[in-house]
Amino acid sequence: MTRPDLSESDADLARHMAAADPTNKLDPPAAAAAARAAIELAQAAGRPQDAARAGTWLCGHLLRQGLHLEAAEAAAALEPQLQDAALQAERCEALRVRARALCEVGRFELALAAAHRLEIEAARAGSADLALTAAYTLGACLDRLGDPWQATRVLQTASDVHGAMASPRQRFMVHVGLCAFLGDTFHRMRDAAAPNERADVLARARVHAEAARQLLPKPSDPVHEVVVTGNLGEVLLHCGEHQRAGELLQSSRQRAESAGLVAYRWRAETSLADWLLAQGHAAEAAELALAVLQEMGSAAPVHTEIRARDAAARALCALGRHEQALEHFMVFERLERRRTLHELRAQSQLFVTRIEAQRAQWQAEQARGEAVRQSQRAHEFAERAERDSLTGLGNRAHLERRAAELWPALDRRRAALSLALLDVDHFKQVNDELGHAAGDAVLVHLALVLREDSRSGDVLVRLGGEEFVVLMPGTGAETARDACERLRQAVAGRHDWPALPAGRKMTVSIGLAFSQGPAEDLVTLLGRADAALYQAKNGGRDRVCLAGAPATATSL
């Protein structure tokens, strides 16, 4: 009697586990029901690992349905059951769900704490995929806090480090995340930034949207279909390609509805309201935005409500219903202020006291090791006369030696490498008008700026005259371009140049070349950077140009 009952019970559990497994692409409500049944059967059979695994799947299915508080609570309750070393993947998934769910309902401090714990778990596992999952999760929290710039930086940096070793699925997710964060960047800067800045953000978002669509796994997860289609549709809407944008947004909405993905449908309908407004259908846009707000009610994800309030306010204003528009705008502003408050509080209370403190400890340990290595290199550096006598930076010999040291390791890891070539704009005028002593003072001060705005692992070189090189091992094109743009702005924004008349500014033009292993030889990389520098000079100076790409920086 016992053996047949046990066999039947095992078969029943296996059937429900298969139905709950998210890789089987079932509708979230049906999968959630199967997960609950599997949990009960596993507990009754004394199989705690199966119960914990089914519990983790349940959390994910709740998140997909937009049941954010329920998902967060389920993930927290599951934590004691996930301490077994064999359940590390499930432990990480529960932390991911908890972080994503909490930031959707505005519980940002708790969300960031969960995201940080996920970072620690990923570091212990030594997995590229988990590292990117953790970066995406932290980026999503930062994005929902209202800082998509930081979100993009976090995920792009992680991609530069781990992307080459990650699975195709995880590289797909990186493109999805970067597209979403850049899309939110556009919305944050839409009424404030210059047109060329907005166009650049949209262009970058479109690259990631198209890449994600190309990499969409087959057969695809309904959530991925909805998100990828919706992201691309939203980008095309703001690029002015309204017909294709409308087709994609309608498809995203229909797929979300058919799969029971309620929260994703709300987001798609909010984007459709924007599309209707862009088409001149203000009445339909207002009707849709108001319907979404009414249906969401108190269950509204903060980010979606902000977007829906904004769409409703703009549509009502276009209809001349200014009093109603003002009501929605006031709620929109209140939500934005609350989000900003959470952002500032999280940065001061969480990042400084927890994350940054731990990172500072790690960096201090790294710095001690680096100090020993630097001391050893310093003696060799002096012996081989690798220092520029004027600025104290390395010279060409130093660049060549460091390249010879770095290249083999970069090739083995197929790691990214960026090289920036800087040239002081109108430097000859300084020498001609104020003398070579003033020119030398400018070069010495520029070297100081380079040191202040570079990482310890970067190689800083004065190549000759007013030309400088910054070699950035392990740094991808987007991260390097952002670093060069910050450097350009740091130079252009200074008013205290020694030996120059008060208020006289200096600027630099920067050519940037990027290589993703196997690394190009130094001569080739310098040549490409020089061509990009020539483009920056011809484009008006005081800008950054990436080799093989148009200039995106604008002069101050």
Foldseek 3Di string as FASTA:
>chain_A
DVVVVVVVLVVLLVVLLVLLPVVVQAQLVRNLVSLVVNLVSCVVVVNLVSNLQSLLSNLVSCVLLLVLVVSLVSLVVSQVSQPDPVNLVSVLSSLLSNLLSCLQLPVLLRSLVSLVVQCVSCVVVVALLSNLSSLLSNLSSCVSLPCLVVSLVSNQLSCQQRVVVHDLVSVLVSLLSNLVSLLSVLVVCVPPDDPLLSVVSLVSSLVSLVVSVVSADVVHRLVSLLSSLQSNLLSVLVVVVLPSSLVSLVVSLVSCVVSSRVLSNLQSLLSVLVSCVSVVNLVVSLVSLVVSCVVCDSSGRLVSLLSSLQSNLVSCVVVVVNVVSVVSVVVSVVSSVSSNVSVVCSCVPPCVPDVVVVVVVVVVVVVVVVVVVVVVVVVVCVVVVQADPLQRAGEPVVVQVVLVVPLVVCQVVLHKKKKKKKAKPPLVVCCVPQNVVLSSLQQNVLSVLCVVLDDPPWHWYAHDDRMIMIIDTSDADVRVQVSVLVSQCVQQVDQDRPSDPGRDGIGMEMFMEMGRHNDDHPVVNVVQSVVQSVLCVVVPGSFYGYRPDHTSDDHD
